[in-house]
């Protein structure tokens, strides 16, 4: 394989034939069928957000985040038609992403995230920058939009709410204008 990563379906297919050196445990140890095959996850990763939003007032909306690796993992399951995912796994979010409030705001804001679910303040800036750039590629592949990646969300959701002022310059350089932060960050300002 010349791919840079192994996606969810790849891991499931390859698991029976491998283990960690010196261990009898198959890799990955987690049962990915149990993780991705649960009905509420299949719903949340496919049409659930659109359906929930459709039941709200047209002036209502919400933010939703997926790591890039989650988008690519679910896409791998959809492409293989496995565990209840299909090639249209992302259609609901693609549709709802284009719904607007009466004032012209997106009703479904698929906010930015790090590709690998990494903790941004612990990363060197050049690594964080690459995480965000790779994320924007996954975002475009999953949710559509401009091929120059200019219409990604301007919002950023920090992994595990790990936020630091030290990452703001990289976020701004990558086109993000605001971030969700935990209340304990605000209490110290």
N, C-alpha and C. Protein backbone atom coordinates (compact mmCIF):
# COMPACT_ATOMS: atom_id res chain seq x y z
N UNK A 1 0.84 -1.19 0.00
CA UNK A 1 0.00 0.00 0.00
C UNK A 1 0.87 1.23 0.00
N UNK A 2 0.47 2.24 -0.73
CA UNK A 2 1.22 3.48 -0.71
C UNK A 2 0.47 4.59 0.02
N UNK A 3 -0.54 4.24 0.78
CA UNK A 3 -1.32 5.20 1.54
C UNK A 3 -0.55 5.61 2.79
N UNK A 4 -0.81 6.83 3.24
CA UNK A 4 -0.10 7.33 4.41
C UNK A 4 -0.65 6.79 5.72
N UNK A 5 -1.84 6.26 5.70
CA UNK A 5 -2.46 5.74 6.92
C UNK A 5 -3.24 4.47 6.62
N UNK A 6 -3.61 3.79 7.67
CA UNK A 6 -4.49 2.64 7.57
C UNK A 6 -5.83 3.07 8.12
N UNK A 7 -6.87 2.97 7.32
CA UNK A 7 -8.19 3.41 7.74
C UNK A 7 -8.94 2.27 8.44
N UNK A 8 -10.12 2.60 8.96
CA UNK A 8 -10.88 1.66 9.78
C UNK A 8 -11.10 0.32 9.08
N UNK A 9 -11.58 0.35 7.84
CA UNK A 9 -11.85 -0.90 7.14
C UNK A 9 -10.56 -1.68 6.91
N UNK A 10 -9.47 -1.00 6.57
CA UNK A 10 -8.17 -1.68 6.40
C UNK A 10 -7.80 -2.42 7.67
N UNK A 11 -7.93 -1.75 8.81
CA UNK A 11 -7.57 -2.37 10.09
C UNK A 11 -8.40 -3.60 10.38
N UNK A 12 -9.69 -3.53 10.04
CA UNK A 12 -10.57 -4.66 10.30
C UNK A 12 -10.19 -5.85 9.42
N UNK A 13 -9.86 -5.60 8.18
CA UNK A 13 -9.50 -6.67 7.26
C UNK A 13 -8.15 -7.29 7.64
N UNK A 14 -7.21 -6.47 8.04
CA UNK A 14 -5.86 -6.95 8.32
C UNK A 14 -5.68 -7.53 9.72
N UNK A 15 -6.59 -7.25 10.64
CA UNK A 15 -6.44 -7.65 12.04
C UNK A 15 -6.18 -9.14 12.26
N UNK A 16 -6.91 -10.04 11.63
CA UNK A 16 -6.72 -11.47 11.95
C UNK A 16 -5.29 -11.98 11.72
N UNK A 17 -4.53 -11.35 10.87
CA UNK A 17 -3.21 -11.88 10.54
C UNK A 17 -2.05 -11.20 11.22
N UNK A 18 -2.30 -10.39 12.24
CA UNK A 18 -1.16 -9.72 12.84
C UNK A 18 -1.36 -9.45 14.32
N UNK A 19 -0.23 -9.32 15.00
CA UNK A 19 -0.22 -8.99 16.42
C UNK A 19 1.04 -8.20 16.70
N UNK A 20 1.07 -7.59 17.87
CA UNK A 20 2.28 -6.88 18.29
C UNK A 20 3.38 -7.88 18.57
N UNK A 21 4.60 -7.50 18.35
CA UNK A 21 5.75 -8.38 18.64
C UNK A 21 5.71 -8.81 20.10
N UNK A 22 5.85 -10.09 20.34
CA UNK A 22 5.86 -10.62 21.69
C UNK A 22 4.48 -10.73 22.33
N UNK A 23 3.43 -10.53 21.56
CA UNK A 23 2.07 -10.56 22.11
C UNK A 23 1.20 -11.45 21.22
N UNK A 24 0.21 -12.05 21.84
CA UNK A 24 -0.76 -12.82 21.06
C UNK A 24 -1.99 -11.99 20.73
N UNK A 25 -2.06 -10.76 21.27
CA UNK A 25 -3.21 -9.89 21.01
C UNK A 25 -3.16 -9.39 19.57
N UNK A 26 -4.28 -9.50 18.90
CA UNK A 26 -4.35 -9.01 17.53
C UNK A 26 -4.38 -7.48 17.51
N UNK A 27 -3.83 -6.92 16.46
CA UNK A 27 -3.78 -5.47 16.34
C UNK A 27 -4.80 -5.00 15.30
N UNK A 28 -5.64 -4.01 15.56
CA UNK A 28 -5.74 -3.28 16.81
C UNK A 28 -6.50 -4.09 17.85
N UNK A 29 -6.18 -3.85 19.12
CA UNK A 29 -6.83 -4.61 20.19
C UNK A 29 -8.31 -4.29 20.29
N UNK A 30 -8.69 -3.03 20.00
CA UNK A 30 -10.10 -2.65 20.05
C UNK A 30 -10.87 -3.37 18.94
N UNK A 31 -12.11 -3.70 19.22
CA UNK A 31 -12.98 -4.31 18.24
C UNK A 31 -13.65 -3.19 17.44
N UNK A 32 -13.14 -2.89 16.27
CA UNK A 32 -13.65 -1.78 15.48
C UNK A 32 -15.08 -2.02 15.00
N UNK A 33 -15.48 -3.27 14.86
CA UNK A 33 -16.88 -3.56 14.50
C UNK A 33 -17.81 -3.09 15.60
N UNK A 34 -17.41 -3.31 16.85
CA UNK A 34 -18.23 -2.84 17.97
C UNK A 34 -18.24 -1.32 18.05
N UNK A 35 -17.11 -0.69 17.77
CA UNK A 35 -17.01 0.77 17.87
C UNK A 35 -17.82 1.44 16.76
N UNK A 36 -17.60 1.08 15.51
CA UNK A 36 -18.26 1.73 14.40
C UNK A 36 -19.64 1.15 14.10
N UNK A 37 -19.92 -0.06 14.56
CA UNK A 37 -21.17 -0.72 14.22
C UNK A 37 -22.34 -0.43 15.13
N UNK A 38 -22.13 0.30 16.22
CA UNK A 38 -23.21 0.65 17.14
C UNK A 38 -24.18 1.59 16.43
N UNK A 39 -25.48 1.33 16.60
CA UNK A 39 -26.49 2.09 15.86
C UNK A 39 -26.38 3.59 16.09
N UNK A 40 -26.12 4.04 17.33
CA UNK A 40 -26.07 5.49 17.54
C UNK A 40 -24.87 6.12 16.84
N UNK A 41 -23.78 5.37 16.71
CA UNK A 41 -22.62 5.89 15.97
C UNK A 41 -22.91 5.92 14.47
N UNK A 42 -23.53 4.87 13.96
CA UNK A 42 -23.88 4.86 12.53
C UNK A 42 -24.79 6.05 12.23
N UNK A 43 -25.71 6.33 13.13
CA UNK A 43 -26.61 7.47 12.97
C UNK A 43 -25.85 8.79 13.05
N UNK A 44 -24.98 8.93 14.06
CA UNK A 44 -24.24 10.18 14.26
C UNK A 44 -23.25 10.46 13.14
N UNK A 45 -22.70 9.42 12.55
CA UNK A 45 -21.71 9.61 11.50
C UNK A 45 -22.33 9.69 10.11
N UNK A 46 -23.65 9.52 10.03
CA UNK A 46 -24.30 9.57 8.72
C UNK A 46 -25.40 10.62 8.71
N UNK A 47 -26.65 10.24 8.79
CA UNK A 47 -27.75 11.19 8.58
C UNK A 47 -28.30 11.82 9.87
N UNK A 48 -27.86 11.36 11.02
CA UNK A 48 -28.41 11.86 12.28
C UNK A 48 -28.33 13.37 12.47
N UNK A 49 -27.15 13.98 12.25
CA UNK A 49 -27.10 15.44 12.45
C UNK A 49 -28.07 16.21 11.55
N UNK A 50 -28.15 15.84 10.28
CA UNK A 50 -29.09 16.51 9.37
C UNK A 50 -30.52 16.33 9.86
N UNK A 51 -30.87 15.12 10.24
CA UNK A 51 -32.24 14.86 10.69
C UNK A 51 -32.58 15.62 11.95
N UNK A 52 -31.63 15.72 12.88
CA UNK A 52 -31.86 16.49 14.10
C UNK A 52 -32.06 17.97 13.78
N UNK A 53 -31.22 18.49 12.91
CA UNK A 53 -31.31 19.90 12.55
C UNK A 53 -32.60 20.20 11.81
N UNK A 54 -33.07 19.26 11.00
CA UNK A 54 -34.32 19.47 10.25
C UNK A 54 -35.52 19.62 11.18
N UNK A 55 -35.41 19.12 12.41
CA UNK A 55 -36.50 19.22 13.37
C UNK A 55 -36.46 20.50 14.20
N UNK A 56 -35.47 21.36 13.96
CA UNK A 56 -35.35 22.62 14.69
C UNK A 56 -35.86 23.78 13.85
N UNK A 57 -36.11 24.88 14.48
CA UNK A 57 -36.50 26.10 13.80
C UNK A 57 -35.46 26.46 12.74
N UNK A 58 -35.90 27.08 11.65
CA UNK A 58 -34.97 27.45 10.59
C UNK A 58 -33.95 28.49 11.03
N UNK A 59 -34.17 29.12 12.16
CA UNK A 59 -33.18 30.08 12.67
C UNK A 59 -32.18 29.41 13.60
N UNK A 60 -32.35 28.10 13.85
CA UNK A 60 -31.46 27.36 14.75
C UNK A 60 -30.37 26.66 13.98
N UNK A 61 -29.28 26.40 14.66
CA UNK A 61 -28.18 25.67 14.06
C UNK A 61 -27.27 25.13 15.14
N UNK A 62 -26.25 24.39 14.74
CA UNK A 62 -25.26 23.90 15.69
C UNK A 62 -23.94 23.61 15.01
N UNK A 63 -22.93 23.49 15.84
CA UNK A 63 -21.59 23.14 15.38
C UNK A 63 -21.39 21.64 15.58
N UNK A 64 -20.62 21.06 14.69
CA UNK A 64 -20.33 19.63 14.75
C UNK A 64 -18.88 19.44 14.35
N UNK A 65 -18.19 18.56 15.05
CA UNK A 65 -16.78 18.33 14.71
C UNK A 65 -16.52 16.85 14.49
N UNK A 66 -15.70 16.58 13.52
CA UNK A 66 -15.16 15.26 13.21
C UNK A 66 -13.67 15.45 13.01
N UNK A 67 -12.85 14.60 13.55
CA UNK A 67 -11.44 14.66 13.19
C UNK A 67 -11.32 14.21 11.74
N UNK A 68 -10.24 14.61 11.10
CA UNK A 68 -10.02 14.17 9.72
C UNK A 68 -9.89 12.66 9.63
N UNK A 69 -9.21 12.07 10.61
CA UNK A 69 -9.03 10.62 10.58
C UNK A 69 -10.36 9.89 10.77
N UNK A 70 -11.29 10.48 11.54
CA UNK A 70 -12.62 9.87 11.67
C UNK A 70 -13.35 9.94 10.33
N UNK A 71 -13.30 11.10 9.67
CA UNK A 71 -13.95 11.21 8.36
C UNK A 71 -13.39 10.17 7.40
N UNK A 72 -12.08 10.04 7.36
CA UNK A 72 -11.46 9.08 6.45
C UNK A 72 -11.76 7.63 6.85
N UNK A 73 -11.84 7.37 8.15
CA UNK A 73 -12.18 6.02 8.62
C UNK A 73 -13.60 5.63 8.24
N UNK A 74 -14.54 6.56 8.45
CA UNK A 74 -15.93 6.28 8.09
C UNK A 74 -16.06 6.17 6.57
N UNK A 75 -15.33 7.01 5.84
CA UNK A 75 -15.36 6.91 4.37
C UNK A 75 -14.90 5.52 3.93
N UNK A 76 -13.87 4.96 4.59
CA UNK A 76 -13.38 3.64 4.21
C UNK A 76 -14.45 2.57 4.42
N UNK A 77 -15.23 2.71 5.49
CA UNK A 77 -16.33 1.77 5.73
C UNK A 77 -17.43 1.96 4.70
N UNK A 78 -17.74 3.21 4.36
CA UNK A 78 -18.75 3.49 3.35
C UNK A 78 -18.36 2.97 1.98
N UNK A 79 -17.10 3.17 1.60
CA UNK A 79 -16.64 2.69 0.30
C UNK A 79 -16.69 1.17 0.20
N UNK A 80 -16.54 0.49 1.35
CA UNK A 80 -16.59 -0.97 1.37
C UNK A 80 -17.99 -1.50 1.69
N UNK A 81 -18.95 -0.58 1.87
CA UNK A 81 -20.33 -0.96 2.25
C UNK A 81 -20.34 -1.91 3.45
N UNK A 82 -19.67 -1.49 4.52
CA UNK A 82 -19.55 -2.31 5.71
C UNK A 82 -20.20 -1.67 6.92
N UNK A 83 -20.71 -2.51 7.82
CA UNK A 83 -21.26 -2.12 9.12
C UNK A 83 -22.41 -1.13 9.03
N UNK A 84 -23.11 -1.10 7.92
CA UNK A 84 -24.25 -0.20 7.77
C UNK A 84 -23.89 1.16 7.18
N UNK A 85 -22.67 1.31 6.70
CA UNK A 85 -22.26 2.54 6.04
C UNK A 85 -22.27 2.31 4.54
N UNK A 86 -22.61 3.35 3.81
CA UNK A 86 -22.61 3.26 2.36
C UNK A 86 -21.86 4.43 1.76
N UNK A 87 -21.80 4.45 0.45
CA UNK A 87 -21.04 5.51 -0.22
C UNK A 87 -21.62 6.89 0.03
N UNK A 88 -22.87 6.97 0.42
CA UNK A 88 -23.50 8.26 0.73
C UNK A 88 -23.48 8.60 2.20
N UNK A 89 -22.52 8.04 2.95
CA UNK A 89 -22.46 8.26 4.40
C UNK A 89 -22.43 9.76 4.74
N UNK A 90 -21.89 10.57 3.88
CA UNK A 90 -21.71 11.99 4.16
C UNK A 90 -22.78 12.89 3.54
N UNK A 91 -23.74 12.32 2.84
CA UNK A 91 -24.74 13.12 2.14
C UNK A 91 -25.54 14.03 3.07
N UNK A 92 -25.90 13.53 4.24
CA UNK A 92 -26.69 14.34 5.18
C UNK A 92 -25.97 15.60 5.61
N UNK A 93 -24.71 15.47 5.97
CA UNK A 93 -23.95 16.65 6.40
C UNK A 93 -23.65 17.57 5.22
N UNK A 94 -23.40 16.99 4.06
CA UNK A 94 -23.20 17.84 2.86
C UNK A 94 -24.43 18.69 2.59
N UNK A 95 -25.60 18.06 2.72
CA UNK A 95 -26.85 18.80 2.48
C UNK A 95 -27.06 19.88 3.54
N UNK A 96 -27.00 19.48 4.81
CA UNK A 96 -27.29 20.42 5.90
C UNK A 96 -26.25 21.52 6.00
N UNK A 97 -25.03 21.26 5.55
CA UNK A 97 -23.98 22.28 5.55
C UNK A 97 -24.38 23.49 4.71
N UNK A 98 -25.26 23.29 3.74
CA UNK A 98 -25.68 24.38 2.87
C UNK A 98 -26.98 25.05 3.30
N UNK A 99 -27.59 24.57 4.39
CA UNK A 99 -28.79 25.21 4.90
C UNK A 99 -28.40 26.49 5.61
N UNK A 100 -29.16 27.53 5.38
CA UNK A 100 -28.86 28.83 5.98
C UNK A 100 -29.99 29.29 6.89
N UNK A 101 -29.64 30.04 7.90
CA UNK A 101 -30.62 30.70 8.75
C UNK A 101 -31.19 31.89 7.98
N UNK A 102 -32.29 32.47 8.46
CA UNK A 102 -32.81 33.66 7.78
C UNK A 102 -31.78 34.80 7.68
N UNK A 103 -30.83 34.85 8.60
CA UNK A 103 -29.81 35.90 8.56
C UNK A 103 -28.60 35.52 7.69
N UNK A 104 -28.62 34.32 7.10
CA UNK A 104 -27.57 33.92 6.17
C UNK A 104 -26.42 33.11 6.76
N UNK A 105 -26.51 32.70 8.02
CA UNK A 105 -25.47 31.88 8.64
C UNK A 105 -25.74 30.41 8.35
N UNK A 106 -24.68 29.64 8.32
CA UNK A 106 -24.85 28.18 8.15
C UNK A 106 -25.55 27.60 9.36
N UNK A 107 -26.51 26.74 9.10
CA UNK A 107 -27.20 26.08 10.21
C UNK A 107 -26.37 24.93 10.75
N UNK A 108 -25.59 24.27 9.90
CA UNK A 108 -24.67 23.21 10.34
C UNK A 108 -23.26 23.69 10.05
N UNK A 109 -22.55 24.03 11.11
CA UNK A 109 -21.17 24.48 10.97
C UNK A 109 -20.26 23.32 11.34
N UNK A 110 -19.66 22.71 10.34
CA UNK A 110 -18.75 21.58 10.54
C UNK A 110 -17.37 22.17 10.85
N UNK A 111 -17.14 22.41 12.13
CA UNK A 111 -15.98 23.18 12.57
C UNK A 111 -14.67 22.42 12.40
N UNK A 112 -13.59 23.21 12.32
CA UNK A 112 -12.25 22.65 12.15
C UNK A 112 -11.79 21.85 13.36
N UNK A 113 -10.85 20.98 13.09
CA UNK A 113 -10.34 20.06 14.11
C UNK A 113 -8.95 19.63 13.63
N UNK A 114 -8.21 18.96 14.44
CA UNK A 114 -6.92 18.41 14.01
C UNK A 114 -7.18 17.09 13.29
N UNK A 115 -6.38 16.79 12.29
CA UNK A 115 -6.59 15.56 11.54
C UNK A 115 -6.51 14.33 12.44
N UNK A 116 -5.47 14.21 13.23
CA UNK A 116 -5.22 13.00 14.02
C UNK A 116 -5.74 13.04 15.45
N UNK A 117 -6.61 13.96 15.79
CA UNK A 117 -7.14 14.06 17.16
C UNK A 117 -6.01 14.39 18.15
N UNK A 118 -5.00 15.07 17.70
CA UNK A 118 -3.85 15.41 18.53
C UNK A 118 -4.14 16.65 19.38
N UNK A 119 -3.37 16.82 20.46
CA UNK A 119 -3.54 17.96 21.35
C UNK A 119 -2.69 19.12 20.83
N UNK A 120 -3.34 20.11 20.26
CA UNK A 120 -2.67 21.20 19.55
C UNK A 120 -1.58 21.91 20.37
N UNK A 121 -1.81 22.27 21.63
CA UNK A 121 -0.77 23.00 22.35
C UNK A 121 0.51 22.20 22.59
N UNK A 122 0.45 20.90 22.44
CA UNK A 122 1.63 20.06 22.66
C UNK A 122 2.42 19.82 21.38
N UNK A 123 1.90 20.28 20.26
CA UNK A 123 2.55 20.05 18.97
C UNK A 123 3.48 21.20 18.60
N UNK A 124 4.58 20.91 17.95
CA UNK A 124 5.36 21.99 17.34
C UNK A 124 4.46 22.71 16.32
N UNK A 125 4.66 23.99 16.14
CA UNK A 125 3.77 24.77 15.26
C UNK A 125 3.74 24.24 13.84
N UNK A 126 4.86 23.77 13.31
CA UNK A 126 4.85 23.26 11.95
C UNK A 126 4.04 21.97 11.85
N UNK A 127 3.99 21.19 12.92
CA UNK A 127 3.18 19.97 12.94
C UNK A 127 1.71 20.33 13.05
N UNK A 128 1.37 21.28 13.91
CA UNK A 128 -0.02 21.73 14.02
C UNK A 128 -0.50 22.27 12.68
N UNK A 129 0.31 23.06 12.03
CA UNK A 129 -0.05 23.61 10.72
C UNK A 129 -0.37 22.47 9.74
N UNK A 130 0.48 21.46 9.71
CA UNK A 130 0.25 20.32 8.81
C UNK A 130 -1.02 19.56 9.21
N UNK A 131 -1.25 19.38 10.51
CA UNK A 131 -2.49 18.74 10.98
C UNK A 131 -3.72 19.46 10.43
N UNK A 132 -3.71 20.79 10.49
CA UNK A 132 -4.84 21.59 10.02
C UNK A 132 -4.97 21.52 8.50
N UNK A 133 -3.86 21.53 7.80
CA UNK A 133 -3.89 21.44 6.34
C UNK A 133 -4.42 20.08 5.88
N UNK A 134 -3.97 19.02 6.53
CA UNK A 134 -4.47 17.69 6.17
C UNK A 134 -5.95 17.57 6.53
N UNK A 135 -6.32 18.15 7.68
CA UNK A 135 -7.73 18.15 8.07
C UNK A 135 -8.58 18.82 6.99
N UNK A 136 -8.14 19.97 6.49
CA UNK A 136 -8.94 20.69 5.49
C UNK A 136 -9.10 19.86 4.21
N UNK A 137 -8.11 19.06 3.86
CA UNK A 137 -8.25 18.16 2.71
C UNK A 137 -9.34 17.11 2.99
N UNK A 138 -9.30 16.50 4.18
CA UNK A 138 -10.32 15.51 4.55
C UNK A 138 -11.70 16.15 4.59
N UNK A 139 -11.78 17.37 5.12
CA UNK A 139 -13.03 18.13 5.20
C UNK A 139 -13.61 18.30 3.79
N UNK A 140 -12.77 18.76 2.86
CA UNK A 140 -13.24 18.99 1.49
C UNK A 140 -13.72 17.68 0.86
N UNK A 141 -12.97 16.59 1.07
CA UNK A 141 -13.37 15.30 0.50
C UNK A 141 -14.70 14.83 1.09
N UNK A 142 -14.90 15.07 2.37
CA UNK A 142 -16.13 14.60 3.03
C UNK A 142 -17.31 15.52 2.79
N UNK A 143 -17.13 16.82 2.95
CA UNK A 143 -18.26 17.73 2.98
C UNK A 143 -18.40 18.57 1.72
N UNK A 144 -17.43 18.52 0.83
CA UNK A 144 -17.54 19.28 -0.40
C UNK A 144 -17.16 20.74 -0.21
N UNK A 145 -17.47 21.53 -1.21
CA UNK A 145 -17.14 22.95 -1.16
C UNK A 145 -16.11 23.29 -2.21
N UNK A 146 -15.46 24.43 -2.00
CA UNK A 146 -14.47 24.92 -2.95
C UNK A 146 -13.21 24.07 -2.92
N UNK A 147 -12.71 23.71 -4.08
CA UNK A 147 -11.51 22.87 -4.14
C UNK A 147 -10.27 23.59 -3.63
N UNK A 148 -10.32 24.93 -3.52
CA UNK A 148 -9.19 25.65 -2.95
C UNK A 148 -9.25 25.69 -1.43
N UNK A 149 -10.23 24.99 -0.85
CA UNK A 149 -10.41 24.82 0.60
C UNK A 149 -10.76 26.12 1.32
N UNK A 150 -11.17 27.14 0.60
CA UNK A 150 -11.42 28.44 1.20
C UNK A 150 -12.72 28.53 1.99
N UNK A 151 -13.62 27.61 1.79
CA UNK A 151 -14.92 27.73 2.45
C UNK A 151 -15.10 26.74 3.60
N UNK A 152 -13.98 26.32 4.20
CA UNK A 152 -14.10 25.51 5.42
C UNK A 152 -14.65 26.39 6.53
N UNK A 153 -15.11 25.79 7.60
CA UNK A 153 -15.60 26.55 8.73
C UNK A 153 -14.51 27.49 9.23
N UNK A 154 -14.90 28.62 9.72
CA UNK A 154 -13.95 29.56 10.34
C UNK A 154 -13.79 29.26 11.82
N UNK A 155 -14.52 28.26 12.30
CA UNK A 155 -14.43 27.86 13.71
C UNK A 155 -13.53 26.66 13.90
N UNK A 156 -12.98 26.56 15.09
CA UNK A 156 -12.04 25.48 15.44
C UNK A 156 -12.44 24.89 16.78
N UNK A 157 -12.48 23.58 16.84
CA UNK A 157 -12.78 22.87 18.09
C UNK A 157 -11.50 22.17 18.55
N UNK A 158 -10.90 22.62 19.65
CA UNK A 158 -9.65 22.00 20.10
C UNK A 158 -9.89 20.62 20.71
N UNK A 159 -9.09 19.67 20.29
CA UNK A 159 -9.18 18.31 20.79
C UNK A 159 -9.14 18.30 22.32
N UNK A 160 -10.08 17.60 22.92
CA UNK A 160 -10.17 17.47 24.38
C UNK A 160 -10.13 18.83 25.07
N UNK A 161 -10.56 19.86 24.38
CA UNK A 161 -10.59 21.24 24.87
C UNK A 161 -9.22 21.77 25.27
N UNK A 162 -8.17 21.17 24.71
CA UNK A 162 -6.80 21.62 24.99
C UNK A 162 -6.51 22.84 24.11
N UNK A 163 -6.54 24.00 24.74
CA UNK A 163 -6.33 25.25 24.01
C UNK A 163 -5.27 26.07 24.72
N UNK A 164 -4.49 26.79 23.91
CA UNK A 164 -3.48 27.69 24.44
C UNK A 164 -3.36 28.88 23.51
N UNK A 165 -3.08 30.04 24.08
CA UNK A 165 -2.86 31.23 23.24
C UNK A 165 -1.73 31.01 22.25
N UNK A 166 -0.84 30.08 22.55
CA UNK A 166 0.33 29.84 21.69
C UNK A 166 -0.04 29.28 20.31
N UNK A 167 -1.26 28.79 20.15
CA UNK A 167 -1.65 28.21 18.85
C UNK A 167 -2.44 29.18 17.97
N UNK A 168 -2.77 30.35 18.52
CA UNK A 168 -3.63 31.29 17.81
C UNK A 168 -3.03 31.71 16.47
N UNK A 169 -1.73 31.99 16.43
CA UNK A 169 -1.14 32.45 15.18
C UNK A 169 -1.28 31.40 14.07
N UNK A 170 -1.11 30.13 14.40
CA UNK A 170 -1.24 29.07 13.40
C UNK A 170 -2.70 28.95 12.96
N UNK A 171 -3.63 29.03 13.90
CA UNK A 171 -5.05 28.97 13.55
C UNK A 171 -5.41 30.09 12.57
N UNK A 172 -4.96 31.29 12.87
CA UNK A 172 -5.26 32.44 12.00
C UNK A 172 -4.63 32.25 10.63
N UNK A 173 -3.38 31.81 10.59
CA UNK A 173 -2.70 31.59 9.31
C UNK A 173 -3.42 30.54 8.46
N UNK A 174 -4.09 29.60 9.11
CA UNK A 174 -4.81 28.54 8.39
C UNK A 174 -6.28 28.88 8.15
N UNK A 175 -6.67 30.12 8.44
CA UNK A 175 -8.01 30.58 8.07
C UNK A 175 -9.08 30.45 9.14
N UNK A 176 -8.71 30.14 10.37
CA UNK A 176 -9.70 30.05 11.44
C UNK A 176 -9.80 31.39 12.15
N UNK A 177 -11.02 31.77 12.51
CA UNK A 177 -11.27 33.08 13.11
C UNK A 177 -11.73 32.99 14.55
N UNK A 178 -12.22 31.83 14.96
CA UNK A 178 -12.68 31.69 16.34
C UNK A 178 -12.50 30.24 16.79
N UNK A 179 -12.49 30.05 18.09
CA UNK A 179 -12.32 28.71 18.66
C UNK A 179 -13.30 28.51 19.80
N UNK A 180 -13.77 27.31 19.93
CA UNK A 180 -14.54 26.93 21.10
C UNK A 180 -13.53 26.71 22.21
N UNK A 181 -13.76 27.30 23.38
CA UNK A 181 -12.87 27.10 24.50
C UNK A 181 -13.69 26.75 25.74
N UNK A 182 -13.06 26.01 26.63
CA UNK A 182 -13.73 25.60 27.88
C UNK A 182 -13.87 26.78 28.80
N UNK A 183 -14.88 26.73 29.66
CA UNK A 183 -15.15 27.85 30.57
C UNK A 183 -13.97 28.10 31.51
N UNK A 184 -13.18 27.08 31.84
CA UNK A 184 -12.05 27.33 32.74
C UNK A 184 -11.00 28.21 32.09
N UNK A 185 -10.93 28.22 30.75
CA UNK A 185 -10.03 29.15 30.06
C UNK A 185 -10.55 30.58 30.21
N UNK A 186 -11.86 30.74 30.08
CA UNK A 186 -12.45 32.06 30.18
C UNK A 186 -12.32 32.62 31.59
N UNK A 187 -12.43 31.75 32.60
CA UNK A 187 -12.36 32.22 33.98
C UNK A 187 -10.99 32.79 34.32
N UNK A 188 -9.96 32.45 33.54
CA UNK A 188 -8.62 32.95 33.82
C UNK A 188 -8.29 34.18 33.00
N UNK A 189 -9.21 34.66 32.16
CA UNK A 189 -8.88 35.81 31.32
C UNK A 189 -9.12 37.12 32.03
